[in-house]
Amino acid sequence: MNLTEPQRRLLRSLAHPRKPVVTIGRNGLTDAVLAELEQALDHHELVKVKVNIGDREGRNATVTTLCDRTGADLVQRVGFVATLFRRNAEHPVISLGPPVS
């Protein structure tokens, strides 16, 4: 799903008060972390992930891998926290407005 800039703005405003629900620690990206993220995305659609990896390139690579493996879109990344969005096709939770033609 390609998010438009107004949709990203809306998602950023909705994500602002939320706390990270998934944390990636020193063990890196494990199957258990991916399973937890999948469950969180299915339930909430909009999820913050804290990536506790020391260097910026490692954080960027991990966030890219998360998006690729879960099918989520990156809304924003600030420091150690990335905000991901994936639409739940069966039971949408967040309304992004009318479809864009």
N, C-alpha and C. Protein backbone atom coordinates (compact mmCIF):
# COMPACT_ATOMS: atom_id res chain seq x y z
N MET A 1 0.84 -1.17 0.00
CA MET A 1 0.00 0.00 0.00
C MET A 1 0.89 1.24 0.00
N ASN A 2 0.64 2.13 -0.92
CA ASN A 2 1.39 3.38 -0.96
C ASN A 2 0.58 4.45 -0.25
N LEU A 3 1.16 4.98 0.81
CA LEU A 3 0.48 6.02 1.58
C LEU A 3 0.74 7.38 0.98
N THR A 4 -0.31 8.20 0.92
CA THR A 4 -0.14 9.57 0.47
C THR A 4 0.37 10.41 1.64
N GLU A 5 0.85 11.59 1.35
CA GLU A 5 1.37 12.45 2.42
C GLU A 5 0.28 12.83 3.44
N PRO A 6 -0.95 13.15 3.02
CA PRO A 6 -2.00 13.42 4.02
C PRO A 6 -2.29 12.19 4.90
N GLN A 7 -2.23 11.00 4.33
CA GLN A 7 -2.44 9.79 5.12
C GLN A 7 -1.29 9.60 6.12
N ARG A 8 -0.06 9.84 5.69
CA ARG A 8 1.08 9.75 6.60
C ARG A 8 0.95 10.75 7.74
N ARG A 9 0.51 11.96 7.42
CA ARG A 9 0.32 12.98 8.45
C ARG A 9 -0.71 12.53 9.48
N LEU A 10 -1.81 11.96 8.99
CA LEU A 10 -2.86 11.46 9.88
C LEU A 10 -2.31 10.34 10.76
N LEU A 11 -1.59 9.41 10.16
CA LEU A 11 -1.03 8.30 10.93
C LEU A 11 0.00 8.77 11.95
N ARG A 12 0.81 9.76 11.59
CA ARG A 12 1.77 10.31 12.55
C ARG A 12 1.06 10.92 13.74
N SER A 13 -0.04 11.65 13.47
CA SER A 13 -0.78 12.27 14.58
C SER A 13 -1.44 11.21 15.45
N LEU A 14 -1.92 10.13 14.86
CA LEU A 14 -2.52 9.05 15.65
C LEU A 14 -1.48 8.28 16.44
N ALA A 15 -0.27 8.18 15.91
CA ALA A 15 0.80 7.42 16.57
C ALA A 15 1.48 8.20 17.68
N HIS A 16 1.39 9.52 17.64
CA HIS A 16 2.13 10.34 18.59
C HIS A 16 1.94 9.93 20.06
N PRO A 17 0.71 9.75 20.55
CA PRO A 17 0.56 9.42 21.98
C PRO A 17 0.84 7.95 22.30
N ARG A 18 1.01 7.12 21.31
CA ARG A 18 1.20 5.68 21.56
C ARG A 18 2.61 5.37 22.01
N LYS A 19 2.73 4.29 22.76
CA LYS A 19 4.03 3.79 23.22
C LYS A 19 4.44 2.63 22.32
N PRO A 20 5.75 2.36 22.21
CA PRO A 20 6.19 1.19 21.43
C PRO A 20 5.65 -0.10 22.04
N VAL A 21 5.10 -0.97 21.19
CA VAL A 21 4.55 -2.24 21.67
C VAL A 21 5.49 -3.41 21.41
N VAL A 22 6.47 -3.21 20.55
CA VAL A 22 7.45 -4.25 20.25
C VAL A 22 8.83 -3.62 20.38
N THR A 23 9.73 -4.34 21.05
CA THR A 23 11.10 -3.87 21.22
C THR A 23 12.06 -4.91 20.65
N ILE A 24 12.98 -4.45 19.83
CA ILE A 24 14.01 -5.32 19.29
C ILE A 24 15.28 -5.02 20.08
N GLY A 25 15.77 -6.02 20.79
CA GLY A 25 16.92 -5.84 21.66
C GLY A 25 18.21 -6.33 21.04
N ARG A 26 19.13 -6.70 21.91
CA ARG A 26 20.46 -7.08 21.44
C ARG A 26 20.48 -8.39 20.66
N ASN A 27 19.42 -9.23 20.81
CA ASN A 27 19.35 -10.47 20.03
C ASN A 27 18.91 -10.21 18.60
N GLY A 28 18.51 -9.00 18.29
CA GLY A 28 18.14 -8.64 16.93
C GLY A 28 16.75 -9.11 16.56
N LEU A 29 16.55 -9.27 15.29
CA LEU A 29 15.25 -9.62 14.74
C LEU A 29 15.09 -11.14 14.77
N THR A 30 14.28 -11.64 15.70
CA THR A 30 14.05 -13.07 15.84
C THR A 30 12.66 -13.43 15.33
N ASP A 31 12.41 -14.72 15.19
CA ASP A 31 11.08 -15.17 14.76
C ASP A 31 10.02 -14.80 15.78
N ALA A 32 10.37 -14.81 17.06
CA ALA A 32 9.41 -14.44 18.11
C ALA A 32 9.03 -12.96 18.00
N VAL A 33 10.00 -12.12 17.70
CA VAL A 33 9.72 -10.69 17.55
C VAL A 33 8.83 -10.46 16.33
N LEU A 34 9.12 -11.14 15.23
CA LEU A 34 8.29 -11.01 14.03
C LEU A 34 6.87 -11.50 14.29
N ALA A 35 6.71 -12.60 15.02
CA ALA A 35 5.38 -13.10 15.33
C ALA A 35 4.61 -12.10 16.19
N GLU A 36 5.27 -11.50 17.15
CA GLU A 36 4.63 -10.50 18.00
C GLU A 36 4.23 -9.26 17.20
N LEU A 37 5.10 -8.84 16.29
CA LEU A 37 4.80 -7.69 15.44
C LEU A 37 3.63 -8.00 14.51
N GLU A 38 3.60 -9.19 13.92
CA GLU A 38 2.48 -9.59 13.06
C GLU A 38 1.16 -9.50 13.83
N GLN A 39 1.16 -10.02 15.04
CA GLN A 39 -0.05 -10.01 15.87
C GLN A 39 -0.46 -8.57 16.20
N ALA A 40 0.50 -7.73 16.54
CA ALA A 40 0.20 -6.34 16.87
C ALA A 40 -0.35 -5.59 15.64
N LEU A 41 0.24 -5.82 14.47
CA LEU A 41 -0.25 -5.17 13.26
C LEU A 41 -1.65 -5.64 12.90
N ASP A 42 -1.93 -6.93 13.07
CA ASP A 42 -3.28 -7.44 12.80
C ASP A 42 -4.31 -6.79 13.70
N HIS A 43 -3.94 -6.58 14.94
CA HIS A 43 -4.89 -6.06 15.92
C HIS A 43 -5.01 -4.54 15.88
N HIS A 44 -3.88 -3.83 15.77
CA HIS A 44 -3.89 -2.37 15.89
C HIS A 44 -3.72 -1.62 14.57
N GLU A 45 -3.13 -2.22 13.58
CA GLU A 45 -2.78 -1.63 12.29
C GLU A 45 -1.63 -0.62 12.39
N LEU A 46 -1.61 0.21 13.40
CA LEU A 46 -0.58 1.23 13.57
C LEU A 46 0.23 0.89 14.81
N VAL A 47 1.53 0.63 14.64
CA VAL A 47 2.35 0.12 15.73
C VAL A 47 3.68 0.86 15.76
N LYS A 48 4.13 1.16 16.97
CA LYS A 48 5.47 1.70 17.15
C LYS A 48 6.39 0.56 17.58
N VAL A 49 7.59 0.55 17.00
CA VAL A 49 8.59 -0.47 17.30
C VAL A 49 9.86 0.24 17.75
N LYS A 50 10.39 -0.18 18.89
CA LYS A 50 11.66 0.38 19.38
C LYS A 50 12.78 -0.55 18.95
N VAL A 51 13.76 0.00 18.25
CA VAL A 51 14.88 -0.78 17.73
C VAL A 51 16.13 -0.38 18.50
N ASN A 52 16.51 -1.19 19.48
CA ASN A 52 17.69 -0.90 20.31
C ASN A 52 18.95 -1.48 19.70
N ILE A 53 19.35 -0.91 18.56
CA ILE A 53 20.57 -1.31 17.89
C ILE A 53 21.44 -0.06 17.81
N GLY A 54 22.70 -0.21 18.15
CA GLY A 54 23.59 0.93 18.34
C GLY A 54 23.81 1.85 17.15
N ASP A 55 24.07 1.31 15.97
CA ASP A 55 24.41 2.19 14.85
C ASP A 55 23.21 2.44 13.94
N ARG A 56 23.24 3.59 13.29
CA ARG A 56 22.13 4.03 12.45
C ARG A 56 21.90 3.10 11.27
N GLU A 57 22.97 2.62 10.64
CA GLU A 57 22.81 1.72 9.49
C GLU A 57 22.13 0.42 9.91
N GLY A 58 22.49 -0.09 11.07
CA GLY A 58 21.86 -1.31 11.59
C GLY A 58 20.38 -1.11 11.87
N ARG A 59 20.03 0.04 12.43
CA ARG A 59 18.62 0.35 12.69
C ARG A 59 17.85 0.46 11.38
N ASN A 60 18.43 1.17 10.41
CA ASN A 60 17.76 1.32 9.11
C ASN A 60 17.55 -0.03 8.43
N ALA A 61 18.56 -0.88 8.48
CA ALA A 61 18.46 -2.20 7.86
C ALA A 61 17.39 -3.04 8.56
N THR A 62 17.33 -2.97 9.89
CA THR A 62 16.34 -3.74 10.63
C THR A 62 14.93 -3.25 10.33
N VAL A 63 14.72 -1.95 10.27
CA VAL A 63 13.39 -1.41 9.96
C VAL A 63 12.98 -1.79 8.54
N THR A 64 13.91 -1.73 7.60
CA THR A 64 13.61 -2.15 6.23
C THR A 64 13.22 -3.62 6.17
N THR A 65 13.95 -4.45 6.90
CA THR A 65 13.63 -5.88 6.96
C THR A 65 12.26 -6.11 7.59
N LEU A 66 11.95 -5.37 8.64
CA LEU A 66 10.63 -5.49 9.27
C LEU A 66 9.52 -5.19 8.27
N CYS A 67 9.67 -4.11 7.54
CA CYS A 67 8.66 -3.72 6.56
C CYS A 67 8.53 -4.78 5.45
N ASP A 68 9.66 -5.29 4.98
CA ASP A 68 9.63 -6.29 3.91
C ASP A 68 8.97 -7.59 4.37
N ARG A 69 9.31 -8.04 5.57
CA ARG A 69 8.82 -9.35 6.04
C ARG A 69 7.38 -9.30 6.54
N THR A 70 6.89 -8.12 6.95
CA THR A 70 5.51 -8.04 7.46
C THR A 70 4.56 -7.42 6.45
N GLY A 71 5.08 -6.78 5.41
CA GLY A 71 4.22 -6.12 4.44
C GLY A 71 3.69 -4.79 4.95
N ALA A 72 4.33 -4.24 5.97
CA ALA A 72 3.89 -2.97 6.55
C ALA A 72 4.59 -1.80 5.86
N ASP A 73 3.96 -0.63 5.96
CA ASP A 73 4.55 0.60 5.44
C ASP A 73 5.19 1.36 6.58
N LEU A 74 6.34 1.95 6.31
CA LEU A 74 6.99 2.80 7.29
C LEU A 74 6.33 4.17 7.25
N VAL A 75 5.77 4.58 8.37
CA VAL A 75 5.14 5.90 8.47
C VAL A 75 6.20 6.93 8.79
N GLN A 76 7.01 6.64 9.80
CA GLN A 76 8.13 7.51 10.15
C GLN A 76 9.10 6.77 11.05
N ARG A 77 10.31 7.29 11.11
CA ARG A 77 11.30 6.76 12.04
C ARG A 77 12.00 7.95 12.68
N VAL A 78 11.97 7.97 14.00
CA VAL A 78 12.62 9.03 14.76
C VAL A 78 13.53 8.35 15.77
N GLY A 79 14.83 8.51 15.59
CA GLY A 79 15.78 7.90 16.51
C GLY A 79 15.65 6.39 16.52
N PHE A 80 15.34 5.85 17.69
CA PHE A 80 15.26 4.40 17.87
C PHE A 80 13.84 3.86 17.63
N VAL A 81 12.87 4.72 17.34
CA VAL A 81 11.48 4.30 17.24
C VAL A 81 10.98 4.44 15.79
N ALA A 82 10.42 3.34 15.27
CA ALA A 82 9.82 3.34 13.94
C ALA A 82 8.32 3.12 14.09
N THR A 83 7.55 3.83 13.28
CA THR A 83 6.09 3.65 13.27
C THR A 83 5.72 2.94 11.99
N LEU A 84 5.02 1.80 12.13
CA LEU A 84 4.63 0.97 10.99
C LEU A 84 3.12 0.91 10.89
N PHE A 85 2.62 0.80 9.65
CA PHE A 85 1.18 0.68 9.40
C PHE A 85 0.95 -0.43 8.40
N ARG A 86 -0.03 -1.28 8.71
CA ARG A 86 -0.47 -2.30 7.76
C ARG A 86 -1.98 -2.43 7.90
N ARG A 87 -2.69 -2.22 6.80
CA ARG A 87 -4.15 -2.28 6.78
C ARG A 87 -4.62 -3.71 7.05
N ASN A 88 -5.60 -3.85 7.95
CA ASN A 88 -6.25 -5.13 8.20
C ASN A 88 -7.43 -5.20 7.24
N ALA A 89 -7.34 -6.03 6.21
CA ALA A 89 -8.35 -6.07 5.15
C ALA A 89 -9.72 -6.54 5.66
N GLU A 90 -9.73 -7.44 6.63
CA GLU A 90 -11.00 -7.98 7.12
C GLU A 90 -11.71 -7.03 8.08
N HIS A 91 -10.96 -6.42 8.99
CA HIS A 91 -11.54 -5.56 10.01
C HIS A 91 -10.70 -4.30 10.16
N PRO A 92 -10.86 -3.32 9.25
CA PRO A 92 -10.07 -2.10 9.35
C PRO A 92 -10.35 -1.36 10.67
N VAL A 93 -9.30 -0.88 11.29
CA VAL A 93 -9.41 -0.16 12.56
C VAL A 93 -9.32 1.34 12.33
N ILE A 94 -8.44 1.76 11.43
CA ILE A 94 -8.17 3.17 11.19
C ILE A 94 -8.71 3.57 9.83
N SER A 95 -9.47 4.67 9.79
CA SER A 95 -9.98 5.19 8.54
C SER A 95 -8.98 6.19 7.97
N LEU A 96 -8.53 5.93 6.75
CA LEU A 96 -7.57 6.82 6.11
C LEU A 96 -8.25 7.83 5.19
N GLY A 97 -9.55 7.88 5.20
CA GLY A 97 -10.27 8.81 4.33
C GLY A 97 -10.70 8.11 3.05
N PRO A 98 -11.29 8.88 2.15
CA PRO A 98 -11.77 8.29 0.89
C PRO A 98 -10.61 7.79 0.03
N PRO A 99 -10.84 6.74 -0.75
CA PRO A 99 -9.78 6.22 -1.62
C PRO A 99 -9.35 7.26 -2.64
N VAL A 100 -8.07 7.24 -2.95
CA VAL A 100 -7.51 8.18 -3.92
C VAL A 100 -7.57 7.54 -5.30
N SER A 101 -8.04 8.32 -6.31
CA SER A 101 -8.11 7.78 -7.67
C SER A 101 -6.82 7.92 -8.39
